[in-house]
């Protein structure tokens, strides 16, 4: 079916946003702000802080950015302690991995 001039296909809807949905959304935003202000960040563990960042980014960044991989060769290694390495050894490891 060819394109016909003056058709209304793809036109945004004239129906407004639901009142109940917007009211609930505003109340939830207010509740979230109150909760985040009451959280004492200095009392959170590193894992809890990372989890808070992860959850927050889901709702602040566009979904497409979150789903797209940044690099195909990205590798995460868990290091128990870097105290066992000297500064020279750490520099060598970084040079090796970054080249």
N, C-alpha and C. Protein backbone atom coordinates (compact mmCIF):
# COMPACT_ATOMS: atom_id res chain seq x y z
N UNK A 1 0.85 -1.16 0.00
CA UNK A 1 0.00 0.00 0.00
C UNK A 1 0.90 1.24 0.00
N UNK A 2 0.81 2.05 -1.03
CA UNK A 2 1.68 3.21 -1.11
C UNK A 2 1.28 4.29 -0.10
N UNK A 3 2.22 5.18 0.13
CA UNK A 3 1.98 6.30 1.04
C UNK A 3 0.95 7.24 0.44
N UNK A 4 -0.03 7.60 1.26
CA UNK A 4 -1.05 8.54 0.81
C UNK A 4 -0.88 9.84 1.57
N UNK A 5 -0.85 10.92 0.83
CA UNK A 5 -0.66 12.22 1.43
C UNK A 5 -1.84 12.57 2.35
N UNK A 6 -1.52 13.09 3.53
CA UNK A 6 -2.56 13.52 4.46
C UNK A 6 -3.05 12.43 5.40
N UNK A 7 -2.46 11.22 5.37
CA UNK A 7 -2.93 10.18 6.29
C UNK A 7 -2.50 10.52 7.72
N UNK A 8 -3.10 9.86 8.68
CA UNK A 8 -2.84 10.14 10.09
C UNK A 8 -2.03 9.04 10.76
N UNK A 9 -1.47 8.12 9.99
CA UNK A 9 -0.70 7.02 10.57
C UNK A 9 0.58 7.55 11.21
N UNK A 10 0.88 7.06 12.37
CA UNK A 10 2.10 7.46 13.06
C UNK A 10 1.98 8.78 13.81
N UNK A 11 0.82 9.38 13.74
CA UNK A 11 0.61 10.65 14.45
C UNK A 11 0.51 10.36 15.94
N UNK A 12 1.07 11.24 16.75
CA UNK A 12 0.98 11.03 18.18
C UNK A 12 -0.47 11.10 18.64
N UNK A 13 -0.77 10.39 19.68
CA UNK A 13 -2.13 10.31 20.16
C UNK A 13 -2.58 11.63 20.78
N UNK A 14 -3.87 11.89 20.68
CA UNK A 14 -4.44 13.09 21.29
C UNK A 14 -4.82 12.83 22.73
N UNK A 15 -4.85 11.58 23.11
CA UNK A 15 -5.22 11.22 24.47
C UNK A 15 -4.12 11.65 25.42
N UNK A 16 -4.47 12.30 26.47
CA UNK A 16 -3.50 12.78 27.44
C UNK A 16 -3.00 11.66 28.34
N UNK A 17 -2.04 12.02 29.18
CA UNK A 17 -1.50 11.05 30.14
C UNK A 17 -2.54 10.80 31.22
N UNK A 18 -2.62 9.56 31.67
CA UNK A 18 -3.58 9.21 32.71
C UNK A 18 -3.30 9.96 34.00
N UNK A 19 -4.34 10.47 34.64
CA UNK A 19 -4.17 11.24 35.87
C UNK A 19 -3.65 10.36 37.00
N UNK A 20 -4.17 9.17 37.10
CA UNK A 20 -3.75 8.28 38.19
C UNK A 20 -2.28 7.94 38.05
N UNK A 21 -1.84 7.64 36.85
CA UNK A 21 -0.44 7.30 36.62
C UNK A 21 0.48 8.45 37.00
N UNK A 22 0.13 9.67 36.60
CA UNK A 22 0.98 10.81 36.91
C UNK A 22 0.97 11.12 38.41
N UNK A 23 -0.16 10.95 39.08
CA UNK A 23 -0.23 11.19 40.53
C UNK A 23 0.65 10.18 41.28
N UNK A 24 0.53 8.93 40.90
CA UNK A 24 1.35 7.89 41.55
C UNK A 24 2.83 8.15 41.29
N UNK A 25 3.16 8.51 40.07
CA UNK A 25 4.54 8.79 39.72
C UNK A 25 5.10 9.94 40.56
N UNK A 26 4.34 11.01 40.72
CA UNK A 26 4.80 12.15 41.52
C UNK A 26 4.97 11.77 42.99
N UNK A 27 4.05 10.98 43.52
CA UNK A 27 4.17 10.55 44.92
C UNK A 27 5.38 9.65 45.12
N UNK A 28 5.62 8.76 44.17
CA UNK A 28 6.78 7.88 44.27
C UNK A 28 8.08 8.67 44.18
N UNK A 29 8.12 9.68 43.30
CA UNK A 29 9.32 10.52 43.20
C UNK A 29 9.58 11.22 44.52
N UNK A 30 8.53 11.77 45.13
CA UNK A 30 8.69 12.44 46.43
C UNK A 30 9.18 11.49 47.50
N UNK A 31 8.61 10.29 47.52
CA UNK A 31 9.01 9.27 48.50
C UNK A 31 10.47 8.88 48.29
N UNK A 32 10.86 8.72 47.03
CA UNK A 32 12.23 8.35 46.71
C UNK A 32 13.22 9.44 47.16
N UNK A 33 12.86 10.69 46.93
CA UNK A 33 13.73 11.79 47.34
C UNK A 33 13.90 11.78 48.86
N UNK A 34 12.81 11.59 49.60
CA UNK A 34 12.87 11.53 51.06
C UNK A 34 13.76 10.39 51.54
N UNK A 35 13.62 9.23 50.93
CA UNK A 35 14.41 8.07 51.32
C UNK A 35 15.89 8.30 51.03
N UNK A 36 16.20 8.82 49.84
CA UNK A 36 17.60 9.05 49.48
C UNK A 36 18.25 10.11 50.38
N UNK A 37 17.48 11.10 50.80
CA UNK A 37 18.03 12.12 51.70
C UNK A 37 18.27 11.55 53.09
N UNK A 38 17.51 10.53 53.48
CA UNK A 38 17.68 9.96 54.81
C UNK A 38 18.82 8.92 54.88
N UNK A 39 19.30 8.46 53.72
CA UNK A 39 20.37 7.47 53.69
C UNK A 39 21.68 8.15 54.05
N UNK A 40 22.39 7.56 54.98
CA UNK A 40 23.69 8.07 55.38
C UNK A 40 24.76 7.30 54.60
N UNK A 41 25.29 7.94 53.58
CA UNK A 41 26.22 7.27 52.69
C UNK A 41 27.48 6.79 53.40
N UNK A 42 27.93 7.52 54.40
CA UNK A 42 29.15 7.11 55.09
C UNK A 42 28.96 5.82 55.87
N UNK A 43 27.72 5.42 56.13
CA UNK A 43 27.46 4.18 56.87
C UNK A 43 27.30 2.98 55.95
N UNK A 44 27.22 3.21 54.64
CA UNK A 44 27.06 2.11 53.70
C UNK A 44 28.40 1.45 53.40
N UNK A 45 28.35 0.15 53.16
CA UNK A 45 29.56 -0.56 52.74
C UNK A 45 29.82 -0.24 51.27
N UNK A 46 31.00 -0.60 50.79
CA UNK A 46 31.32 -0.35 49.38
C UNK A 46 30.35 -1.09 48.46
N UNK A 47 30.00 -2.31 48.81
CA UNK A 47 29.07 -3.10 48.00
C UNK A 47 27.69 -2.43 47.95
N UNK A 48 27.24 -1.91 49.08
CA UNK A 48 25.95 -1.23 49.12
C UNK A 48 25.96 0.06 48.31
N UNK A 49 27.08 0.78 48.35
CA UNK A 49 27.20 2.00 47.56
C UNK A 49 27.17 1.68 46.06
N UNK A 50 27.88 0.63 45.66
CA UNK A 50 27.88 0.23 44.25
C UNK A 50 26.49 -0.20 43.80
N UNK A 51 25.79 -0.92 44.66
CA UNK A 51 24.43 -1.36 44.34
C UNK A 51 23.50 -0.16 44.20
N UNK A 52 23.65 0.83 45.08
CA UNK A 52 22.85 2.05 45.00
C UNK A 52 23.10 2.78 43.69
N UNK A 53 24.36 2.87 43.29
CA UNK A 53 24.71 3.51 42.02
C UNK A 53 24.11 2.74 40.85
N UNK A 54 24.24 1.43 40.89
CA UNK A 54 23.70 0.59 39.81
C UNK A 54 22.20 0.78 39.65
N UNK A 55 21.49 0.74 40.75
CA UNK A 55 20.03 0.89 40.69
C UNK A 55 19.66 2.30 40.23
N UNK A 56 20.36 3.30 40.74
CA UNK A 56 20.06 4.69 40.39
C UNK A 56 20.29 4.94 38.91
N UNK A 57 21.36 4.37 38.36
CA UNK A 57 21.66 4.60 36.95
C UNK A 57 20.60 4.00 36.03
N UNK A 58 19.96 2.94 36.46
CA UNK A 58 18.89 2.34 35.65
C UNK A 58 17.76 3.33 35.39
N UNK A 59 17.53 4.20 36.35
CA UNK A 59 16.41 5.12 36.25
C UNK A 59 16.83 6.51 35.79
N UNK A 60 18.12 6.77 35.68
CA UNK A 60 18.56 8.09 35.27
C UNK A 60 19.14 8.11 33.86
N UNK A 61 19.77 7.02 33.43
CA UNK A 61 20.32 6.95 32.09
C UNK A 61 19.29 6.39 31.12
N UNK A 62 19.35 6.81 29.86
CA UNK A 62 18.46 6.21 28.87
C UNK A 62 18.71 4.71 28.77
N UNK A 63 17.66 3.95 28.54
CA UNK A 63 17.75 2.49 28.53
C UNK A 63 18.75 1.98 27.49
N UNK A 64 18.81 2.63 26.35
CA UNK A 64 19.70 2.18 25.28
C UNK A 64 21.17 2.23 25.71
N UNK A 65 21.55 3.24 26.48
CA UNK A 65 22.93 3.35 26.95
C UNK A 65 23.27 2.20 27.89
N UNK A 66 22.33 1.81 28.75
CA UNK A 66 22.58 0.75 29.71
C UNK A 66 22.73 -0.60 29.02
N UNK A 67 21.95 -0.83 27.97
CA UNK A 67 21.94 -2.14 27.31
C UNK A 67 23.09 -2.34 26.35
N UNK A 68 23.66 -1.26 25.80
CA UNK A 68 24.72 -1.39 24.81
C UNK A 68 26.06 -1.69 25.49
N UNK A 69 26.76 -2.71 25.03
CA UNK A 69 28.09 -2.95 25.60
C UNK A 69 29.06 -1.87 25.15
N UNK A 70 29.93 -1.46 26.03
CA UNK A 70 30.89 -0.40 25.71
C UNK A 70 32.07 -0.98 24.94
N UNK A 71 32.56 -2.11 25.37
CA UNK A 71 33.69 -2.74 24.70
C UNK A 71 33.49 -4.25 24.72
N UNK A 72 33.90 -4.89 23.64
CA UNK A 72 33.74 -6.34 23.55
C UNK A 72 34.80 -7.08 24.36
N UNK A 73 35.95 -6.46 24.53
CA UNK A 73 37.05 -7.14 25.20
C UNK A 73 37.19 -6.75 26.66
N UNK A 74 36.13 -6.26 27.24
CA UNK A 74 36.16 -5.82 28.63
C UNK A 74 36.21 -7.04 29.54
N UNK A 75 37.13 -7.02 30.50
CA UNK A 75 37.32 -8.16 31.38
C UNK A 75 37.40 -7.67 32.82
N UNK A 76 36.68 -8.31 33.71
CA UNK A 76 36.69 -7.94 35.12
C UNK A 76 37.42 -9.03 35.89
N UNK A 77 38.38 -8.60 36.68
CA UNK A 77 39.10 -9.54 37.52
C UNK A 77 38.92 -9.11 38.97
N UNK A 78 38.64 -10.05 39.82
CA UNK A 78 38.49 -9.75 41.24
C UNK A 78 39.85 -9.91 41.90
N UNK A 79 40.29 -8.86 42.53
CA UNK A 79 41.59 -8.85 43.20
C UNK A 79 41.33 -8.80 44.69
N UNK A 80 41.85 -9.76 45.40
CA UNK A 80 41.65 -9.82 46.84
C UNK A 80 42.41 -8.71 47.54
N UNK A 81 43.67 -8.53 47.18
CA UNK A 81 44.46 -7.51 47.84
C UNK A 81 45.62 -7.13 46.93
N UNK A 82 45.79 -5.84 46.74
CA UNK A 82 46.93 -5.40 45.93
C UNK A 82 48.17 -5.19 46.78
N UNK A 83 48.01 -5.38 48.07
CA UNK A 83 49.15 -5.21 48.98
C UNK A 83 50.26 -6.24 48.71
N UNK A 84 49.90 -7.34 48.10
CA UNK A 84 50.88 -8.38 47.85
C UNK A 84 51.81 -8.04 46.67
N UNK A 85 51.47 -6.96 45.91
CA UNK A 85 52.28 -6.57 44.77
C UNK A 85 53.06 -5.29 45.09
N UNK A 86 54.24 -5.21 44.54
CA UNK A 86 55.01 -3.97 44.69
C UNK A 86 54.51 -2.97 43.66
N UNK A 87 54.90 -1.71 43.81
CA UNK A 87 54.50 -0.69 42.85
C UNK A 87 55.00 -1.01 41.45
N UNK A 88 56.20 -1.52 41.36
CA UNK A 88 56.79 -1.89 40.07
C UNK A 88 55.98 -2.99 39.41
N UNK A 89 55.59 -4.01 40.19
CA UNK A 89 54.80 -5.12 39.64
C UNK A 89 53.43 -4.62 39.16
N UNK A 90 52.81 -3.72 39.91
CA UNK A 90 51.52 -3.17 39.51
C UNK A 90 51.63 -2.37 38.22
N UNK A 91 52.68 -1.57 38.09
CA UNK A 91 52.90 -0.80 36.87
C UNK A 91 53.09 -1.72 35.68
N UNK A 92 53.86 -2.79 35.85
CA UNK A 92 54.08 -3.75 34.78
C UNK A 92 52.79 -4.43 34.35
N UNK A 93 51.97 -4.80 35.32
CA UNK A 93 50.68 -5.44 35.02
C UNK A 93 49.80 -4.50 34.23
N UNK A 94 49.73 -3.23 34.67
CA UNK A 94 48.91 -2.24 33.97
C UNK A 94 49.40 -2.00 32.55
N UNK A 95 50.71 -1.89 32.37
CA UNK A 95 51.27 -1.68 31.03
C UNK A 95 50.94 -2.86 30.13
N UNK A 96 51.04 -4.06 30.67
CA UNK A 96 50.76 -5.28 29.91
C UNK A 96 49.30 -5.33 29.48
N UNK A 97 48.39 -4.99 30.40
CA UNK A 97 46.96 -5.09 30.12
C UNK A 97 46.46 -3.97 29.20
N UNK A 98 47.08 -2.81 29.29
CA UNK A 98 46.62 -1.65 28.52
C UNK A 98 47.23 -1.57 27.13
N UNK A 99 48.21 -2.38 26.85
CA UNK A 99 48.85 -2.30 25.52
C UNK A 99 48.21 -3.24 24.53
